[in-house]
PDB file of all heavy atoms in Angstrom:
ATOM      1  N   ILE A   1      86.142 128.106  97.721  1.00  0.00           N
ATOM      2  CA  ILE A   1      87.488 128.380  97.216  1.00  0.00           C
ATOM      3  C   ILE A   1      87.922 127.272  96.257  1.00  0.00           C
ATOM      4  O   ILE A   1      88.485 127.539  95.189  1.00  0.00           O
ATOM      5  CB  ILE A   1      88.488 128.526  98.379  1.00  0.00           C
ATOM      6  CG1 ILE A   1      88.197 129.820  99.149  1.00  0.00           C
ATOM      7  CG2 ILE A   1      89.930 128.501  97.875  1.00  0.00           C
ATOM      8  CD1 ILE A   1      88.961 129.952 100.453  1.00  0.00           C
ATOM      9  N   ALA A   2      87.643 126.025  96.617  1.00  0.00           N
ATOM     10  CA  ALA A   2      88.029 124.889  95.763  1.00  0.00           C
ATOM     11  C   ALA A   2      87.337 124.969  94.406  1.00  0.00           C
ATOM     12  O   ALA A   2      87.968 124.756  93.365  1.00  0.00           O
ATOM     13  CB  ALA A   2      87.697 123.576  96.454  1.00  0.00           C
ATOM     14  N   ALA A   3      86.054 125.280  94.408  1.00  0.00           N
ATOM     15  CA  ALA A   3      85.315 125.368  93.142  1.00  0.00           C
ATOM     16  C   ALA A   3      85.905 126.449  92.244  1.00  0.00           C
ATOM     17  O   ALA A   3      86.107 126.237  91.041  1.00  0.00           O
ATOM     18  CB  ALA A   3      83.834 125.636  93.411  1.00  0.00           C
ATOM     19  N   ARG A   4      86.199 127.612  92.836  1.00  0.00           N
ATOM     20  CA  ARG A   4      86.794 128.691  92.040  1.00  0.00           C
ATOM     21  C   ARG A   4      88.184 128.309  91.541  1.00  0.00           C
ATOM     22  O   ARG A   4      88.528 128.571  90.389  1.00  0.00           O
ATOM     23  CB  ARG A   4      86.841 129.983  92.857  1.00  0.00           C
ATOM     24  CG  ARG A   4      85.458 130.557  93.100  1.00  0.00           C
ATOM     25  CD  ARG A   4      85.448 132.004  93.565  1.00  0.00           C
ATOM     26  NE  ARG A   4      86.505 132.409  94.448  1.00  0.00           N
ATOM     27  CZ  ARG A   4      86.357 132.670  95.750  1.00  0.00           C
ATOM     28  NH1 ARG A   4      85.176 132.547  96.326  1.00  0.00           N
ATOM     29  NH2 ARG A   4      87.378 133.065  96.477  1.00  0.00           N
ATOM     30  N   ALA A   5      88.982 127.687  92.395  1.00  0.00           N
ATOM     31  CA  ALA A   5      90.341 127.301  92.005  1.00  0.00           C
ATOM     32  C   ALA A   5      90.325 126.257  90.895  1.00  0.00           C
ATOM     33  O   ALA A   5      91.129 126.324  89.967  1.00  0.00           O
ATOM     34  CB  ALA A   5      91.108 126.780  93.212  1.00  0.00           C
ATOM     35  N   LEU A   6      89.400 125.307  90.969  1.00  0.00           N
ATOM     36  CA  LEU A   6      89.312 124.286  89.926  1.00  0.00           C
ATOM     37  C   LEU A   6      88.904 124.881  88.583  1.00  0.00           C
ATOM     38  O   LEU A   6      89.171 124.291  87.534  1.00  0.00           O
ATOM     39  CB  LEU A   6      88.327 123.185  90.333  1.00  0.00           C
ATOM     40  CG  LEU A   6      88.809 122.259  91.453  1.00  0.00           C
ATOM     41  CD1 LEU A   6      87.670 121.371  91.933  1.00  0.00           C
ATOM     42  CD2 LEU A   6      89.996 121.432  91.003  1.00  0.00           C
ATOM     43  N   ARG A   7      88.288 126.044  88.617  1.00  0.00           N
ATOM     44  CA  ARG A   7      87.905 126.738  87.380  1.00  0.00           C
ATOM     45  C   ARG A   7      88.939 127.776  86.961  1.00  0.00           C
ATOM     46  O   ARG A   7      88.719 128.521  86.019  1.00  0.00           O
ATOM     47  CB  ARG A   7      86.536 127.373  87.564  1.00  0.00           C
ATOM     48  CG  ARG A   7      85.432 126.328  87.650  1.00  0.00           C
ATOM     49  CD  ARG A   7      84.050 126.958  87.623  1.00  0.00           C
ATOM     50  NE  ARG A   7      83.047 125.923  87.572  1.00  0.00           N
ATOM     51  CZ  ARG A   7      82.391 125.449  88.632  1.00  0.00           C
ATOM     52  NH1 ARG A   7      82.619 125.949  89.829  1.00  0.00           N
ATOM     53  NH2 ARG A   7      81.488 124.499  88.494  1.00  0.00           N
ATOM     54  N   GLY A   8      90.056 127.848  87.686  1.00  0.00           N
ATOM     55  CA  GLY A   8      91.147 128.727  87.291  1.00  0.00           C
ATOM     56  C   GLY A   8      91.344 129.975  88.121  1.00  0.00           C
ATOM     57  O   GLY A   8      92.334 130.679  87.960  1.00  0.00           O
ATOM     58  N   ASP A   9      90.411 130.293  89.021  1.00  0.00           N
ATOM     59  CA  ASP A   9      90.539 131.488  89.853  1.00  0.00           C
ATOM     60  C   ASP A   9      91.185 131.109  91.181  1.00  0.00           C
ATOM     61  O   ASP A   9      90.536 130.585  92.070  1.00  0.00           O
ATOM     62  CB  ASP A   9      89.161 132.111  90.099  1.00  0.00           C
ATOM     63  CG  ASP A   9      89.209 133.309  91.043  1.00  0.00           C
ATOM     64  OD1 ASP A   9      90.320 133.757  91.411  1.00  0.00           O
ATOM     65  OD2 ASP A   9      88.127 133.791  91.424  1.00  0.00           O
ATOM     66  N   ARG A  10      92.476 131.371  91.298  1.00  0.00           N
ATOM     67  CA  ARG A  10      93.194 131.014  92.522  1.00  0.00           C
ATOM     68  C   ARG A  10      93.414 132.231  93.422  1.00  0.00           C
ATOM     69  O   ARG A  10      94.226 132.186  94.345  1.00  0.00           O
ATOM     70  CB  ARG A  10      94.524 130.365  92.159  1.00  0.00           C
ATOM     71  CG  ARG A  10      94.300 128.979  91.571  1.00  0.00           C
ATOM     72  CD  ARG A  10      95.513 128.465  90.855  1.00  0.00           C
ATOM     73  NE  ARG A  10      95.224 127.256  90.086  1.00  0.00           N
ATOM     74  CZ  ARG A  10      94.662 127.227  88.899  1.00  0.00           C
ATOM     75  NH1 ARG A  10      94.284 128.343  88.317  1.00  0.00           N
ATOM     76  NH2 ARG A  10      94.440 126.096  88.270  1.00  0.00           N
ATOM     77  N   SER A  11      92.691 133.298  93.182  1.00  0.00           N
ATOM     78  CA  SER A  11      92.892 134.531  93.939  1.00  0.00           C
ATOM     79  C   SER A  11      92.567 134.371  95.423  1.00  0.00           C
ATOM     80  O   SER A  11      93.125 135.084  96.256  1.00  0.00           O
ATOM     81  CB  SER A  11      92.051 135.662  93.346  1.00  0.00           C
ATOM     82  OG  SER A  11      90.665 135.354  93.431  1.00  0.00           O
ATOM     83  N   ALA A  12      91.711 133.445  95.773  1.00  0.00           N
ATOM     84  CA  ALA A  12      91.346 133.268  97.173  1.00  0.00           C
ATOM     85  C   ALA A  12      92.338 132.381  97.927  1.00  0.00           C
ATOM     86  O   ALA A  12      92.280 132.279  99.143  1.00  0.00           O
ATOM     87  CB  ALA A  12      89.943 132.671  97.278  1.00  0.00           C
ATOM     88  N   VAL A  13      93.253 131.750  97.201  1.00  0.00           N
ATOM     89  CA  VAL A  13      94.251 130.893  97.840  1.00  0.00           C
ATOM     90  C   VAL A  13      95.419 131.785  98.216  1.00  0.00           C
ATOM     91  O   VAL A  13      96.261 132.111  97.397  1.00  0.00           O
ATOM     92  CB  VAL A  13      94.707 129.756  96.895  1.00  0.00           C
ATOM     93  CG1 VAL A  13      95.729 128.865  97.579  1.00  0.00           C
ATOM     94  CG2 VAL A  13      93.508 128.947  96.433  1.00  0.00           C
ATOM     95  N   ARG A  14      95.442 132.194  99.483  1.00  0.00           N
ATOM     96  CA  ARG A  14      96.411 133.192  99.914  1.00  0.00           C
ATOM     97  C   ARG A  14      97.474 132.664 100.858  1.00  0.00           C
ATOM     98  O   ARG A  14      98.491 133.275 101.036  1.00  0.00           O
ATOM     99  CB  ARG A  14      95.694 134.358 100.593  1.00  0.00           C
ATOM    100  CG  ARG A  14      94.944 135.205  99.600  1.00  0.00           C
ATOM    101  CD  ARG A  14      94.183 136.287 100.308  1.00  0.00           C
ATOM    102  NE  ARG A  14      92.786 135.997  99.985  1.00  0.00           N
ATOM    103  CZ  ARG A  14      91.785 136.139 100.785  1.00  0.00           C
ATOM    104  NH1 ARG A  14      91.947 136.586 101.981  1.00  0.00           N
ATOM    105  NH2 ARG A  14      90.565 135.836 100.409  1.00  0.00           N
ATOM    106  N   PHE A  15      97.220 131.556 101.509  1.00  0.00           N
ATOM    107  CA  PHE A  15      98.148 131.090 102.521  1.00  0.00           C
ATOM    108  C   PHE A  15      99.425 130.575 101.871  1.00  0.00           C
ATOM    109  O   PHE A  15      99.382 129.649 101.067  1.00  0.00           O
ATOM    110  CB  PHE A  15      97.506 129.988 103.362  1.00  0.00           C
ATOM    111  CG  PHE A  15      98.276 129.668 104.590  1.00  0.00           C
ATOM    112  CD1 PHE A  15      98.243 130.511 105.686  1.00  0.00           C
ATOM    113  CD2 PHE A  15      99.063 128.541 104.653  1.00  0.00           C
ATOM    114  CE1 PHE A  15      98.957 130.210 106.830  1.00  0.00           C
ATOM    115  CE2 PHE A  15      99.796 128.227 105.782  1.00  0.00           C
ATOM    116  CZ  PHE A  15      99.738 129.074 106.873  1.00  0.00           C
ATOM    117  N   PRO A  16     100.562 131.147 102.185  1.00  0.00           N
ATOM    118  CA  PRO A  16     101.812 130.746 101.520  1.00  0.00           C
ATOM    119  C   PRO A  16     102.398 129.463 102.116  1.00  0.00           C
ATOM    120  O   PRO A  16     103.349 129.490 102.876  1.00  0.00           O
ATOM    121  CB  PRO A  16     102.728 131.945 101.770  1.00  0.00           C
ATOM    122  CG  PRO A  16     102.260 132.494 103.078  1.00  0.00           C
ATOM    123  CD  PRO A  16     100.762 132.254 103.101  1.00  0.00           C
ATOM    124  N   VAL A  17     101.795 128.353 101.774  1.00  0.00           N
ATOM    125  CA  VAL A  17     102.257 127.075 102.312  1.00  0.00           C
ATOM    126  C   VAL A  17     102.967 126.286 101.210  1.00  0.00           C
ATOM    127  O   VAL A  17     102.561 126.320 100.054  1.00  0.00           O
ATOM    128  CB  VAL A  17     101.073 126.277 102.904  1.00  0.00           C
ATOM    129  CG1 VAL A  17     100.085 125.888 101.834  1.00  0.00           C
ATOM    130  CG2 VAL A  17     101.544 125.065 103.666  1.00  0.00           C
ATOM    131  N   SER A  18     104.031 125.614 101.592  1.00  0.00           N
ATOM    132  CA  SER A  18     104.727 124.771 100.617  1.00  0.00           C
ATOM    133  C   SER A  18     104.041 123.408 100.568  1.00  0.00           C
ATOM    134  O   SER A  18     103.314 123.022 101.490  1.00  0.00           O
ATOM    135  CB  SER A  18     106.192 124.595 101.021  1.00  0.00           C
ATOM    136  OG  SER A  18     106.287 123.777 102.179  1.00  0.00           O
ATOM    137  N   VAL A  19     104.291 122.688  99.504  1.00  0.00           N
ATOM    138  CA  VAL A  19     103.719 121.351  99.358  1.00  0.00           C
ATOM    139  C   VAL A  19     104.190 120.468 100.508  1.00  0.00           C
ATOM    140  O   VAL A  19     103.402 119.742 101.116  1.00  0.00           O
ATOM    141  CB  VAL A  19     104.106 120.743  97.990  1.00  0.00           C
ATOM    142  CG1 VAL A  19     103.724 119.285  97.900  1.00  0.00           C
ATOM    143  CG2 VAL A  19     103.466 121.547  96.870  1.00  0.00           C
ATOM    144  N   GLU A  20     105.476 120.530 100.826  1.00  0.00           N
ATOM    145  CA  GLU A  20     106.020 119.697 101.902  1.00  0.00           C
ATOM    146  C   GLU A  20     105.416 120.068 103.254  1.00  0.00           C
ATOM    147  O   GLU A  20     105.095 119.194 104.067  1.00  0.00           O
ATOM    148  CB  GLU A  20     107.546 119.812 101.948  1.00  0.00           C
ATOM    149  CG  GLU A  20     108.191 118.844 102.907  1.00  0.00           C
ATOM    150  CD  GLU A  20     107.803 117.378 102.703  1.00  0.00           C
ATOM    151  OE1 GLU A  20     107.723 116.929 101.554  1.00  0.00           O
ATOM    152  OE2 GLU A  20     107.552 116.691 103.704  1.00  0.00           O
ATOM    153  N   ALA A  21     105.241 121.365 103.512  1.00  0.00           N
ATOM    154  CA  ALA A  21     104.650 121.797 104.781  1.00  0.00           C
ATOM    155  C   ALA A  21     103.195 121.323 104.891  1.00  0.00           C
ATOM    156  O   ALA A  21     102.763 120.895 105.967  1.00  0.00           O
ATOM    157  CB  ALA A  21     104.728 123.312 104.918  1.00  0.00           C
ATOM    158  N   ALA A  22     102.458 121.396 103.788  1.00  0.00           N
ATOM    159  CA  ALA A  22     101.069 120.934 103.803  1.00  0.00           C
ATOM    160  C   ALA A  22     101.007 119.427 104.032  1.00  0.00           C
ATOM    161  O   ALA A  22     100.160 118.939 104.802  1.00  0.00           O
ATOM    162  CB  ALA A  22     100.370 121.300 102.497  1.00  0.00           C
ATOM    163  N   ALA A  23     101.892 118.675 103.383  1.00  0.00           N
ATOM    164  CA  ALA A  23     101.919 117.220 103.569  1.00  0.00           C
ATOM    165  C   ALA A  23     102.249 116.875 105.018  1.00  0.00           C
ATOM    166  O   ALA A  23     101.604 116.011 105.621  1.00  0.00           O
ATOM    167  CB  ALA A  23     102.936 116.586 102.620  1.00  0.00           C
ATOM    168  N   ALA A  24     103.221 117.561 105.582  1.00  0.00           N
ATOM    169  CA  ALA A  24     103.602 117.304 106.975  1.00  0.00           C
ATOM    170  C   ALA A  24     102.463 117.639 107.930  1.00  0.00           C
ATOM    171  O   ALA A  24     102.200 116.897 108.885  1.00  0.00           O
ATOM    172  CB  ALA A  24     104.859 118.107 107.326  1.00  0.00           C
ATOM    173  N   ARG A  25     101.762 118.739 107.677  1.00  0.00           N
ATOM    174  CA  ARG A  25     100.652 119.115 108.550  1.00  0.00           C
ATOM    175  C   ARG A  25      99.530 118.092 108.473  1.00  0.00           C
ATOM    176  O   ARG A  25      98.944 117.722 109.488  1.00  0.00           O
ATOM    177  CB  ARG A  25     100.123 120.501 108.177  1.00  0.00           C
ATOM    178  CG  ARG A  25      99.031 120.960 109.106  1.00  0.00           C
ATOM    179  CD  ARG A  25      98.584 122.363 108.824  1.00  0.00           C
ATOM    180  NE  ARG A  25      97.567 122.761 109.794  1.00  0.00           N
ATOM    181  CZ  ARG A  25      96.860 123.870 109.697  1.00  0.00           C
ATOM    182  NH1 ARG A  25      97.065 124.696 108.691  1.00  0.00           N
ATOM    183  NH2 ARG A  25      95.955 124.155 110.593  1.00  0.00           N
ATOM    184  N   CYS A  26      99.225 117.625 107.266  1.00  0.00           N
ATOM    185  CA  CYS A  26      98.182 116.609 107.110  1.00  0.00           C
ATOM    186  C   CYS A  26      98.561 115.321 107.824  1.00  0.00           C
ATOM    187  O   CYS A  26      97.726 114.705 108.493  1.00  0.00           O
ATOM    188  CB  CYS A  26      97.917 116.329 105.630  1.00  0.00           C
ATOM    189  SG  CYS A  26      97.006 117.647 104.809  1.00  0.00           S
ATOM    190  N   GLU A  27      99.809 114.907 107.679  1.00  0.00           N
ATOM    191  CA  GLU A  27     100.267 113.698 108.366  1.00  0.00           C
ATOM    192  C   GLU A  27     100.154 113.851 109.873  1.00  0.00           C
ATOM    193  O   GLU A  27      99.702 112.940 110.573  1.00  0.00           O
ATOM    194  CB  GLU A  27     101.710 113.374 107.973  1.00  0.00           C
ATOM    195  CG  GLU A  27     101.853 112.876 106.558  1.00  0.00           C
ATOM    196  CD  GLU A  27     103.291 112.819 106.079  1.00  0.00           C
ATOM    197  OE1 GLU A  27     104.181 113.443 106.704  1.00  0.00           O
ATOM    198  OE2 GLU A  27     103.509 112.164 105.054  1.00  0.00           O
ATOM    199  N   GLN A  28     100.560 115.006 110.378  1.00  0.00           N
ATOM    200  CA  GLN A  28     100.501 115.252 111.826  1.00  0.00           C
ATOM    201  C   GLN A  28      99.061 115.291 112.316  1.00  0.00           C
ATOM    202  O   GLN A  28      98.731 114.713 113.354  1.00  0.00           O
ATOM    203  CB  GLN A  28     101.216 116.562 112.175  1.00  0.00           C
ATOM    204  CG  GLN A  28     101.368 116.783 113.660  1.00  0.00           C
ATOM    205  CD  GLN A  28     102.245 115.742 114.322  1.00  0.00           C
ATOM    206  OE1 GLN A  28     103.344 115.459 113.842  1.00  0.00           O
ATOM    207  NE2 GLN A  28     101.789 115.155 115.402  1.00  0.00           N
ATOM    208  N   ALA A  29      98.183 115.959 111.567  1.00  0.00           N
ATOM    209  CA  ALA A  29      96.769 116.040 111.967  1.00  0.00           C
ATOM    210  C   ALA A  29      96.133 114.652 111.979  1.00  0.00           C
ATOM    211  O   ALA A  29      95.381 114.314 112.911  1.00  0.00           O
ATOM    212  CB  ALA A  29      96.010 116.972 111.025  1.00  0.00           C
ATOM    213  N   ALA A  30      96.446 113.839 110.983  1.00  0.00           N
ATOM    214  CA  ALA A  30      95.905 112.476 110.933  1.00  0.00           C
ATOM    215  C   ALA A  30      96.431 111.658 112.100  1.00  0.00           C
ATOM    216  O   ALA A  30      95.685 110.894 112.728  1.00  0.00           O
ATOM    217  CB  ALA A  30      96.256 111.810 109.608  1.00  0.00           C
TER     218      ALA A  30
END
């Protein structure tokens, strides 16, 4: 998915997460 997204195809990125929610989840997981 990352390789495709870096080349412009973001169709596989489906999870509707906000930047803040992703940052909070990463902080909590760490």
